[in-house]
Structures are given as structure tokens and as C-alpha cells.
PDB file of N, CA and C in Angstrom:
ATOM      1  N   MET A   1      17.898  14.046 -23.341  1.00  0.00           N
ATOM      2  CA  MET A   1      18.304  13.334 -22.139  1.00  0.00           C
ATOM      3  C   MET A   1      17.625  13.898 -20.896  1.00  0.00           C
ATOM      4  N   THR A   2      17.292  15.185 -20.952  1.00  0.00           N
ATOM      5  CA  THR A   2      16.594  15.774 -19.810  1.00  0.00           C
ATOM      6  C   THR A   2      15.249  15.092 -19.605  1.00  0.00           C
ATOM      7  N   SER A   3      14.599  14.754 -20.687  1.00  0.00           N
ATOM      8  CA  SER A   3      13.299  14.078 -20.596  1.00  0.00           C
ATOM      9  C   SER A   3      13.444  12.719 -19.922  1.00  0.00           C
ATOM     10  N   LEU A   4      14.514  12.005 -20.243  1.00  0.00           N
ATOM     11  CA  LEU A   4      14.758  10.704 -19.620  1.00  0.00           C
ATOM     12  C   LEU A   4      14.933  10.855 -18.119  1.00  0.00           C
ATOM     13  N   TYR A   5      15.709  11.847 -17.706  1.00  0.00           N
ATOM     14  CA  TYR A   5      15.919  12.111 -16.279  1.00  0.00           C
ATOM     15  C   TYR A   5      14.589  12.417 -15.595  1.00  0.00           C
ATOM     16  N   GLN A   6      13.766  13.250 -16.210  1.00  0.00           N
ATOM     17  CA  GLN A   6      12.490  13.624 -15.615  1.00  0.00           C
ATOM     18  C   GLN A   6      11.531  12.446 -15.539  1.00  0.00           C
ATOM     19  N   ILE A   7      11.541  11.591 -16.545  1.00  0.00           N
ATOM     20  CA  ILE A   7      10.687  10.401 -16.522  1.00  0.00           C
ATOM     21  C   ILE A   7      11.118   9.448 -15.414  1.00  0.00           C
ATOM     22  N   ILE A   8      12.415   9.239 -15.272  1.00  0.00           N
ATOM     23  CA  ILE A   8      12.926   8.358 -14.212  1.00  0.00           C
ATOM     24  C   ILE A   8      12.556   8.916 -12.838  1.00  0.00           C
ATOM     25  N   MET A   9      12.713  10.222 -12.660  1.00  0.00           N
ATOM     26  CA  MET A   9      12.374  10.834 -11.373  1.00  0.00           C
ATOM     27  C   MET A   9      10.870  10.746 -11.105  1.00  0.00           C
ATOM     28  N   LEU A  10      10.043  10.879 -12.145  1.00  0.00           N
ATOM     29  CA  LEU A  10       8.598  10.748 -11.989  1.00  0.00           C
ATOM     30  C   LEU A  10       8.232   9.336 -11.541  1.00  0.00           C
ATOM     31  N   ILE A  11       8.831   8.339 -12.169  1.00  0.00           N
ATOM     32  CA  ILE A  11       8.569   6.944 -11.794  1.00  0.00           C
ATOM     33  C   ILE A  11       8.995   6.696 -10.353  1.00  0.00           C
ATOM     34  N   LEU A  12      10.152   7.221  -9.966  1.00  0.00           N
ATOM     35  CA  LEU A  12      10.616   7.052  -8.583  1.00  0.00           C
ATOM     36  C   LEU A  12       9.687   7.761  -7.602  1.00  0.00           C
ATOM     37  N   ASP A  13       9.145   8.915  -7.974  1.00  0.00           N
ATOM     38  CA  ASP A  13       8.188   9.619  -7.115  1.00  0.00           C
ATOM     39  C   ASP A  13       6.904   8.812  -6.932  1.00  0.00           C
ATOM     40  N   VAL A  14       6.403   8.218  -8.009  1.00  0.00           N
ATOM     41  CA  VAL A  14       5.183   7.406  -7.923  1.00  0.00           C
ATOM     42  C   VAL A  14       5.419   6.193  -7.030  1.00  0.00           C
ATOM     43  N   VAL A  15       6.558   5.528  -7.202  1.00  0.00           N
ATOM     44  CA  VAL A  15       6.889   4.370  -6.358  1.00  0.00           C
ATOM     45  C   VAL A  15       7.014   4.810  -4.905  1.00  0.00           C
ATOM     46  N   TRP A  16       7.591   5.985  -4.673  1.00  0.00           N
ATOM     47  CA  TRP A  16       7.738   6.511  -3.307  1.00  0.00           C
ATOM     48  C   TRP A  16       6.374   6.689  -2.652  1.00  0.00           C
ATOM     49  N   PHE A  17       5.422   7.288  -3.373  1.00  0.00           N
ATOM     50  CA  PHE A  17       4.083   7.499  -2.819  1.00  0.00           C
ATOM     51  C   PHE A  17       3.360   6.178  -2.574  1.00  0.00           C
ATOM     52  N   ILE A  18       3.515   5.222  -3.471  1.00  0.00           N
ATOM     53  CA  ILE A  18       2.881   3.915  -3.278  1.00  0.00           C
ATOM     54  C   ILE A  18       3.467   3.221  -2.055  1.00  0.00           C
ATOM     55  N   MET A  19       4.784   3.311  -1.873  1.00  0.00           N
ATOM     56  CA  MET A  19       5.411   2.692  -0.709  1.00  0.00           C
ATOM     57  C   MET A  19       4.955   3.360   0.585  1.00  0.00           C
ATOM     58  N   ILE A  20       4.857   4.689   0.591  1.00  0.00           N
ATOM     59  CA  ILE A  20       4.381   5.401   1.780  1.00  0.00           C
ATOM     60  C   ILE A  20       2.953   4.964   2.111  1.00  0.00           C
ATOM     61  N   ALA A  21       2.081   4.875   1.097  1.00  0.00           N
ATOM     62  CA  ALA A  21       0.704   4.437   1.325  1.00  0.00           C
ATOM     63  C   ALA A  21       0.671   3.018   1.891  1.00  0.00           C
ATOM     64  N   HIS A  22       1.518   2.143   1.370  1.00  0.00           N
ATOM     65  CA  HIS A  22       1.560   0.758   1.844  1.00  0.00           C
ATOM     66  C   HIS A  22       2.048   0.689   3.294  1.00  0.00           C
ATOM     67  N   ILE A  23       3.073   1.451   3.614  1.00  0.00           N
ATOM     68  CA  ILE A  23       3.619   1.442   4.976  1.00  0.00           C
ATOM     69  C   ILE A  23       2.589   1.977   5.967  1.00  0.00           C
ATOM     70  N   ILE A  24       1.949   3.096   5.645  1.00  0.00           N
ATOM     71  CA  ILE A  24       0.948   3.668   6.542  1.00  0.00           C
ATOM     72  C   ILE A  24      -0.244   2.734   6.691  1.00  0.00           C
ATOM     73  N   MET A  25      -0.671   2.150   5.594  1.00  0.00           N
ATOM     74  CA  MET A  25      -1.805   1.230   5.656  1.00  0.00           C
ATOM     75  C   MET A  25      -1.468  -0.006   6.479  1.00  0.00           C
ATOM     76  N   SER A  26      -0.232  -0.503   6.383  1.00  0.00           N
ATOM     77  CA  SER A  26       0.147  -1.669   7.187  1.00  0.00           C
ATOM     78  C   SER A  26       0.127  -1.334   8.673  1.00  0.00           C
ATOM     79  N   TRP A  27       0.537  -0.128   9.034  1.00  0.00           N
ATOM     80  CA  TRP A  27       0.454   0.286  10.440  1.00  0.00           C
ATOM     81  C   TRP A  27      -0.988   0.361  10.902  1.00  0.00           C
ATOM     82  N   LEU A  28      -1.851   0.955  10.085  1.00  0.00           N
ATOM     83  CA  LEU A  28      -3.261   1.079  10.453  1.00  0.00           C
ATOM     84  C   LEU A  28      -3.930  -0.277  10.578  1.00  0.00           C
ATOM     85  N   ILE A  29      -3.540  -1.221   9.744  1.00  0.00           N
ATOM     86  CA  ILE A  29      -4.085  -2.576   9.849  1.00  0.00           C
ATOM     87  C   ILE A  29      -3.550  -3.250  11.109  1.00  0.00           C
ATOM     88  N   SER A  30      -2.266  -3.061  11.406  1.00  0.00           N
ATOM     89  CA  SER A  30      -1.672  -3.683  12.591  1.00  0.00           C
ATOM     90  C   SER A  30      -2.310  -3.175  13.882  1.00  0.00           C
ATOM     91  N   PHE A  31      -2.637  -1.886  13.906  1.00  0.00           N
ATOM     92  CA  PHE A  31      -3.253  -1.304  15.101  1.00  0.00           C
ATOM     93  C   PHE A  31      -4.777  -1.378  15.057  1.00  0.00           C
ATOM     94  N   GLN A  32      -5.314  -2.144  14.130  1.00  0.00           N
ATOM     95  CA  GLN A  32      -6.731  -2.426  13.969  1.00  0.00           C
ATOM     96  C   GLN A  32      -7.581  -1.173  13.794  1.00  0.00           C
ATOM     97  N   VAL A  33      -6.993  -0.160  13.149  1.00  0.00           N
ATOM     98  CA  VAL A  33      -7.760   1.007  12.765  1.00  0.00           C
ATOM     99  C   VAL A  33      -8.525   0.689  11.486  1.00  0.00           C
ATOM    100  N   LEU A  34      -7.881  -0.066  10.589  1.00  0.00           N
ATOM    101  CA  LEU A  34      -8.528  -0.538   9.361  1.00  0.00           C
ATOM    102  C   LEU A  34      -8.778  -2.036   9.471  1.00  0.00           C
ATOM    103  N   ASN A  35      -9.861  -2.460   8.866  1.00  0.00           N
ATOM    104  CA  ASN A  35     -10.241  -3.862   8.899  1.00  0.00           C
ATOM    105  C   ASN A  35     -10.192  -4.408   7.475  1.00  0.00           C
ATOM    106  N   LEU A  36      -9.453  -5.480   7.259  1.00  0.00           N
ATOM    107  CA  LEU A  36      -9.323  -6.065   5.924  1.00  0.00           C
ATOM    108  C   LEU A  36     -10.606  -6.716   5.432  1.00  0.00           C
ATOM    109  N   HIS A  37     -11.580  -6.898   6.314  1.00  0.00           N
ATOM    110  CA  HIS A  37     -12.857  -7.491   5.898  1.00  0.00           C
ATOM    111  C   HIS A  37     -13.758  -6.473   5.198  1.00  0.00           C
ATOM    112  N   GLN A  38     -13.407  -5.190   5.286  1.00  0.00           N
ATOM    113  CA  GLN A  38     -14.139  -4.183   4.520  1.00  0.00           C
ATOM    114  C   GLN A  38     -13.691  -4.296   3.063  1.00  0.00           C
ATOM    115  N   PRO A  39     -14.630  -4.319   2.127  1.00  0.00           N
ATOM    116  CA  PRO A  39     -14.261  -4.584   0.723  1.00  0.00           C
ATOM    117  C   PRO A  39     -13.250  -3.603   0.138  1.00  0.00           C
ATOM    118  N   ILE A  40     -13.436  -2.314   0.345  1.00  0.00           N
ATOM    119  CA  ILE A  40     -12.538  -1.334  -0.270  1.00  0.00           C
ATOM    120  C   ILE A  40     -11.139  -1.409   0.346  1.00  0.00           C
ATOM    121  N   VAL A  41     -11.086  -1.618   1.649  1.00  0.00           N
ATOM    122  CA  VAL A  41      -9.781  -1.728   2.318  1.00  0.00           C
ATOM    123  C   VAL A  41      -9.053  -2.973   1.835  1.00  0.00           C
ATOM    124  N   GLY A  42      -9.771  -4.075   1.724  1.00  0.00           N
ATOM    125  CA  GLY A  42      -9.166  -5.313   1.234  1.00  0.00           C
ATOM    126  C   GLY A  42      -8.657  -5.195  -0.192  1.00  0.00           C
ATOM    127  N   GLN A  43      -9.413  -4.496  -1.044  1.00  0.00           N
ATOM    128  CA  GLN A  43      -8.997  -4.322  -2.436  1.00  0.00           C
ATOM    129  C   GLN A  43      -7.768  -3.429  -2.548  1.00  0.00           C
ATOM    130  N   ILE A  44      -7.763  -2.347  -1.783  1.00  0.00           N
ATOM    131  CA  ILE A  44      -6.594  -1.454  -1.807  1.00  0.00           C
ATOM    132  C   ILE A  44      -5.368  -2.180  -1.292  1.00  0.00           C
ATOM    133  N   TRP A  45      -5.519  -2.920  -0.202  1.00  0.00           N
ATOM    134  CA  TRP A  45      -4.396  -3.652   0.385  1.00  0.00           C
ATOM    135  C   TRP A  45      -3.868  -4.705  -0.587  1.00  0.00           C
ATOM    136  N   SER A  46      -4.777  -5.420  -1.230  1.00  0.00           N
ATOM    137  CA  SER A  46      -4.372  -6.431  -2.199  1.00  0.00           C
ATOM    138  C   SER A  46      -3.649  -5.799  -3.383  1.00  0.00           C
ATOM    139  N   GLY A  47      -4.165  -4.678  -3.863  1.00  0.00           N
ATOM    140  CA  GLY A  47      -3.526  -3.988  -4.987  1.00  0.00           C
ATOM    141  C   GLY A  47      -2.138  -3.481  -4.645  1.00  0.00           C
ATOM    142  N   LEU A  48      -1.991  -2.898  -3.456  1.00  0.00           N
ATOM    143  CA  LEU A  48      -0.671  -2.412  -3.039  1.00  0.00           C
ATOM    144  C   LEU A  48       0.312  -3.565  -2.884  1.00  0.00           C
ATOM    145  N   ASN A  49      -0.162  -4.678  -2.328  1.00  0.00           N
ATOM    146  CA  ASN A  49       0.722  -5.841  -2.187  1.00  0.00           C
ATOM    147  C   ASN A  49       1.161  -6.386  -3.541  1.00  0.00           C
ATOM    148  N   ARG A  50       0.241  -6.413  -4.500  1.00  0.00           N
ATOM    149  CA  ARG A  50       0.597  -6.899  -5.843  1.00  0.00           C
ATOM    150  C   ARG A  50       1.601  -5.976  -6.526  1.00  0.00           C
ATOM    151  N   LEU A  51       1.450  -4.677  -6.313  1.00  0.00           N
ATOM    152  CA  LEU A  51       2.385  -3.730  -6.923  1.00  0.00           C
ATOM    153  C   LEU A  51       3.779  -3.818  -6.311  1.00  0.00           C
ATOM    154  N   LEU A  52       3.842  -4.023  -5.011  1.00  0.00           N
ATOM    155  CA  LEU A  52       5.131  -3.937  -4.316  1.00  0.00           C
ATOM    156  C   LEU A  52       5.814  -5.280  -4.086  1.00  0.00           C
ATOM    157  N   GLU A  53       5.118  -6.380  -4.281  1.00  0.00           N
ATOM    158  CA  GLU A  53       5.742  -7.685  -4.057  1.00  0.00           C
ATOM    159  C   GLU A  53       6.946  -7.935  -4.956  1.00  0.00           C
ATOM    160  N   PRO A  54       6.952  -7.497  -6.238  1.00  0.00           N
ATOM    161  CA  PRO A  54       8.174  -7.688  -7.028  1.00  0.00           C
ATOM    162  C   PRO A  54       9.386  -6.942  -6.468  1.00  0.00           C
ATOM    163  N   ILE A  55       9.153  -5.909  -5.703  1.00  0.00           N
ATOM    164  CA  ILE A  55      10.257  -5.171  -5.081  1.00  0.00           C
ATOM    165  C   ILE A  55      10.634  -5.823  -3.752  1.00  0.00           C
ATOM    166  N   TYR A  56       9.627  -6.172  -2.948  1.00  0.00           N
ATOM    167  CA  TYR A  56       9.886  -6.719  -1.609  1.00  0.00           C
ATOM    168  C   TYR A  56      10.358  -8.174  -1.638  1.00  0.00           C
ATOM    169  N   GLY A  57       9.903  -8.952  -2.599  1.00  0.00           N
ATOM    170  CA  GLY A  57      10.227 -10.382  -2.650  1.00  0.00           C
ATOM    171  C   GLY A  57      11.716 -10.683  -2.644  1.00  0.00           C
ATOM    172  N   PRO A  58      12.499 -10.117  -3.573  1.00  0.00           N
ATOM    173  CA  PRO A  58      13.939 -10.396  -3.558  1.00  0.00           C
ATOM    174  C   PRO A  58      14.629  -9.897  -2.285  1.00  0.00           C
ATOM    175  N   ILE A  59      14.139  -8.810  -1.736  1.00  0.00           N
ATOM    176  CA  ILE A  59      14.738  -8.284  -0.501  1.00  0.00           C
ATOM    177  C   ILE A  59      14.457  -9.235   0.653  1.00  0.00           C
ATOM    178  N   ARG A  60      13.241  -9.779   0.710  1.00  0.00           N
ATOM    179  CA  ARG A  60      12.891 -10.723   1.785  1.00  0.00           C
ATOM    180  C   ARG A  60      13.728 -12.000   1.716  1.00  0.00           C
ATOM    181  N   ARG A  61      14.091 -12.425   0.499  1.00  0.00           N
ATOM    182  CA  ARG A  61      14.912 -13.632   0.369  1.00  0.00           C
ATOM    183  C   ARG A  61      16.331 -13.407   0.882  1.00  0.00           C
ATOM    184  N   VAL A  62      16.820 -12.170   0.805  1.00  0.00           N
ATOM    185  CA  VAL A  62      18.190 -11.864   1.234  1.00  0.00           C
ATOM    186  C   VAL A  62      18.247 -11.593   2.736  1.00  0.00           C
ATOM    187  N   LEU A  63      17.231 -10.916   3.269  1.00  0.00           N
ATOM    188  CA  LEU A  63      17.237 -10.548   4.685  1.00  0.00           C
ATOM    189  C   LEU A  63      17.020 -11.771   5.565  1.00  0.00           C
ATOM    190  N   PRO A  64      17.592 -11.772   6.770  1.00  0.00           N
ATOM    191  CA  PRO A  64      17.321 -12.868   7.699  1.00  0.00           C
ATOM    192  C   PRO A  64      15.887 -12.792   8.216  1.00  0.00           C
ATOM    193  N   ASP A  65      15.353 -13.931   8.648  1.00  0.00           N
ATOM    194  CA  ASP A  65      13.990 -13.987   9.163  1.00  0.00           C
ATOM    195  C   ASP A  65      13.934 -13.281  10.512  1.00  0.00           C
ATOM    196  N   THR A  66      13.091 -12.265  10.611  1.00  0.00           N
ATOM    197  CA  THR A  66      12.958 -11.511  11.860  1.00  0.00           C
ATOM    198  C   THR A  66      11.602 -11.742  12.502  1.00  0.00           C
ATOM    199  N   GLY A  67      10.939 -12.819  12.131  1.00  0.00           N
ATOM    200  CA  GLY A  67       9.638 -13.131  12.706  1.00  0.00           C
ATOM    201  C   GLY A  67       8.563 -12.213  12.158  1.00  0.00           C
ATOM    202  N   PRO A  68       7.765 -11.638  13.038  1.00  0.00           N
ATOM    203  CA  PRO A  68       6.654 -10.812  12.558  1.00  0.00           C
ATOM    204  C   PRO A  68       7.086  -9.441  12.027  1.00  0.00           C
ATOM    205  N   LEU A  69       8.325  -9.057  12.273  1.00  0.00           N
ATOM    206  CA  LEU A  69       8.823  -7.752  11.825  1.00  0.00           C
ATOM    207  C   LEU A  69       9.368  -7.871  10.408  1.00  0.00           C
ATOM    208  N   ASP A  70       8.724  -7.198   9.473  1.00  0.00           N
ATOM    209  CA  ASP A  70       9.131  -7.239   8.065  1.00  0.00           C
ATOM    210  C   ASP A  70       9.978  -6.011   7.762  1.00  0.00           C
ATOM    211  N   LEU A  71      11.254  -6.228   7.486  1.00  0.00           N
ATOM    212  CA  LEU A  71      12.172  -5.128   7.212  1.00  0.00           C
ATOM    213  C   LEU A  71      12.309  -4.816   5.723  1.00  0.00           C
ATOM    214  N   ALA A  72      11.672  -5.594   4.872  1.00  0.00           N
ATOM    215  CA  ALA A  72      11.781  -5.382   3.424  1.00  0.00           C
ATOM    216  C   ALA A  72      11.296  -3.993   2.991  1.00  0.00           C
ATOM    217  N   PRO A  73      10.165  -3.495   3.509  1.00  0.00           N
ATOM    218  CA  PRO A  73       9.764  -2.141   3.105  1.00  0.00           C
ATOM    219  C   PRO A  73      10.778  -1.072   3.506  1.00  0.00           C
ATOM    220  N   LEU A  74      11.386  -1.221   4.666  1.00  0.00           N
ATOM    221  CA  LEU A  74      12.388  -0.256   5.117  1.00  0.00           C
ATOM    222  C   LEU A  74      13.611  -0.282   4.203  1.00  0.00           C
ATOM    223  N   VAL A  75      14.088  -1.463   3.871  1.00  0.00           N
ATOM    224  CA  VAL A  75      15.252  -1.594   2.996  1.00  0.00           C
ATOM    225  C   VAL A  75      14.938  -1.051   1.603  1.00  0.00           C
ATOM    226  N   ALA A  76      13.756  -1.368   1.092  1.00  0.00           N
ATOM    227  CA  ALA A  76      13.361  -0.876  -0.235  1.00  0.00           C
ATOM    228  C   ALA A  76      13.222   0.647  -0.226  1.00  0.00           C
ATOM    229  N   PHE A  77      12.678   1.195   0.849  1.00  0.00           N
ATOM    230  CA  PHE A  77      12.502   2.639   0.960  1.00  0.00           C
ATOM    231  C   PHE A  77      13.850   3.350   1.006  1.00  0.00           C
ATOM    232  N   ILE A  78      14.782   2.819   1.783  1.00  0.00           N
ATOM    233  CA  ILE A  78      16.127   3.394   1.853  1.00  0.00           C
ATOM    234  C   ILE A  78      16.823   3.270   0.499  1.00  0.00           C
ATOM    235  N   GLY A  79      16.657   2.137  -0.169  1.00  0.00           N
ATOM    236  CA  GLY A  79      17.234   1.974  -1.511  1.00  0.00           C
ATOM    237  C   GLY A  79      16.660   2.960  -2.508  1.00  0.00           C
ATOM    238  N   LEU A  80      15.362   3.201  -2.437  1.00  0.00           N
ATOM    239  CA  LEU A  80      14.722   4.163  -3.325  1.00  0.00           C
ATOM    240  C   LEU A  80      15.261   5.569  -3.093  1.00  0.00           C
ATOM    241  N   ILE A  81      15.412   5.939  -1.845  1.00  0.00           N
ATOM    242  CA  ILE A  81      15.968   7.255  -1.519  1.00  0.00           C
ATOM    243  C   ILE A  81      17.410   7.354  -2.002  1.00  0.00           C
ATOM    244  N   ALA A  82      18.178   6.284  -1.850  1.00  0.00           N
ATOM    245  CA  ALA A  82      19.570   6.288  -2.314  1.00  0.00           C
ATOM    246  C   ALA A  82      19.641   6.460  -3.832  1.00  0.00           C
ATOM    247  N   VAL A  83      18.766   5.787  -4.567  1.00  0.00           N
ATOM    248  CA  VAL A  83      18.749   5.927  -6.031  1.00  0.00           C
ATOM    249  C   VAL A  83      18.394   7.352  -6.424  1.00  0.00           C
ATOM    250  N   ARG A  84      17.432   7.947  -5.736  1.00  0.00           N
ATOM    251  CA  ARG A  84      17.062   9.339  -6.023  1.00  0.00           C
ATOM    252  C   ARG A  84      18.236  10.284  -5.773  1.00  0.00           C
ATOM    253  N   ILE A  85      18.947  10.085  -4.669  1.00  0.00           N
ATOM    254  CA  ILE A  85      20.096  10.933  -4.348  1.00  0.00           C
ATOM    255  C   ILE A  85      21.181  10.779  -5.409  1.00  0.00           C
ATOM    256  N   ILE A  86      21.455   9.546  -5.811  1.00  0.00           N
ATOM    257  CA  ILE A  86      22.474   9.301  -6.834  1.00  0.00           C
ATOM    258  C   ILE A  86      22.096   9.979  -8.144  1.00  0.00           C
ATOM    259  N   LEU A  87      20.823   9.860  -8.540  1.00  0.00           N
ATOM    260  CA  LEU A  87      20.384  10.500  -9.778  1.00  0.00           C
ATOM    261  C   LEU A  87      20.447  12.021  -9.691  1.00  0.00           C
ATOM    262  N   GLN A  88      20.061  12.574  -8.555  1.00  0.00           N
ATOM    263  CA  GLN A  88      20.086  14.026  -8.403  1.00  0.00           C
ATOM    264  C   GLN A  88      21.515  14.554  -8.402  1.00  0.00           C
ATOM    265  N   ASN A  89      22.421  13.827  -7.785  1.00  0.00           N
ATOM    266  CA  ASN A  89      23.816  14.276  -7.762  1.00  0.00           C
ATOM    267  C   ASN A  89      24.494  14.135  -9.133  1.00  0.00           C
ATOM    268  N   ASN A  90      23.979  13.265  -9.977  1.00  0.00           N
ATOM    269  CA  ASN A  90      24.553  13.065 -11.313  1.00  0.00           C
ATOM    270  C   ASN A  90      23.634  13.573 -12.402  1.00  0.00           C
ATOM    271  N   ALA A  91      22.754  14.507 -12.073  1.00  0.00           N
ATOM    272  CA  ALA A  91      21.787  15.024 -13.042  1.00  0.00           C
ATOM    273  C   ALA A  91      22.479  15.727 -14.203  1.00  0.00           C
ATOM    274  N   ALA A  92      23.674  16.254 -13.982  1.00  0.00           N
ATOM    275  CA  ALA A  92      24.377  16.954 -15.051  1.00  0.00           C
ATOM    276  C   ALA A  92      24.714  16.011 -16.215  1.00  0.00           C
ATOM    277  N   LEU A  93      24.803  14.727 -15.949  1.00  0.00           N
ATOM    278  CA  LEU A  93      25.096  13.774 -17.019  1.00  0.00           C
ATOM    279  C   LEU A  93      23.933  13.631 -17.997  1.00  0.00           C
ATOM    280  N   PHE A  94      22.731  14.028 -17.574  1.00  0.00           N
ATOM    281  CA  PHE A  94      21.557  13.905 -18.424  1.00  0.00           C
ATOM    282  C   PHE A  94      21.361  15.145 -19.307  1.00  0.00           C
ATOM    283  N   TYR A  95      22.140  16.198 -19.071  1.00  0.00           N
ATOM    284  CA  TYR A  95      21.954  17.431 -19.835  1.00  0.00           C
ATOM    285  C   TYR A  95      22.930  17.540 -20.981  1.00  0.00           C
TER     286      TYR A  95
END
């Protein structure tokens, strides 16, 4: 069971890093530090969007429309942190 706990935490860590990269990249694109017309930037952005859309999509359907401000990454990030906290506080159940 310890292995299961460690695998779940590893997956959550990978998702956390991907979300951080997506959030930072979205800021850099918004402030025109990065240009989506550059091939590598466009490919990375497209890949991150494809990875995270299954997570953000259901959240966007539930949240009210806030115009250009997308709160789905924030809600998903807080949810991810909450799941990590819950798992860490109940880690004894995996041993």
C-alpha cells in the first residue's frame, strides 16, 4: 500500500509542475514576453492545453463566466493542493 501512496503522490507532483508551467506560460503570453507564433512556444502551449483541458473543462462549465479572467486554473490548483493535504494527513491508512 505504501507503493500506491507514493505513486499517487508522484502523479500529483507531476500534475502540479505541469499546472505551474501552464500558469507561468499564460502570464508570459499575456504580457507578450512569449509569442505564440514561434514554433516551439506554440507547440509547448498546445501540448500543455491538451494535457490540462480535461481538468479545466468541467471546472469552466461550473464556474460563472468572468470574461477574459479564467479562474479554472486557480480552482484546479487549489483542488490539487487540497487532495495532496488530504492524502498526506491520511497517509497512515496506506501503511
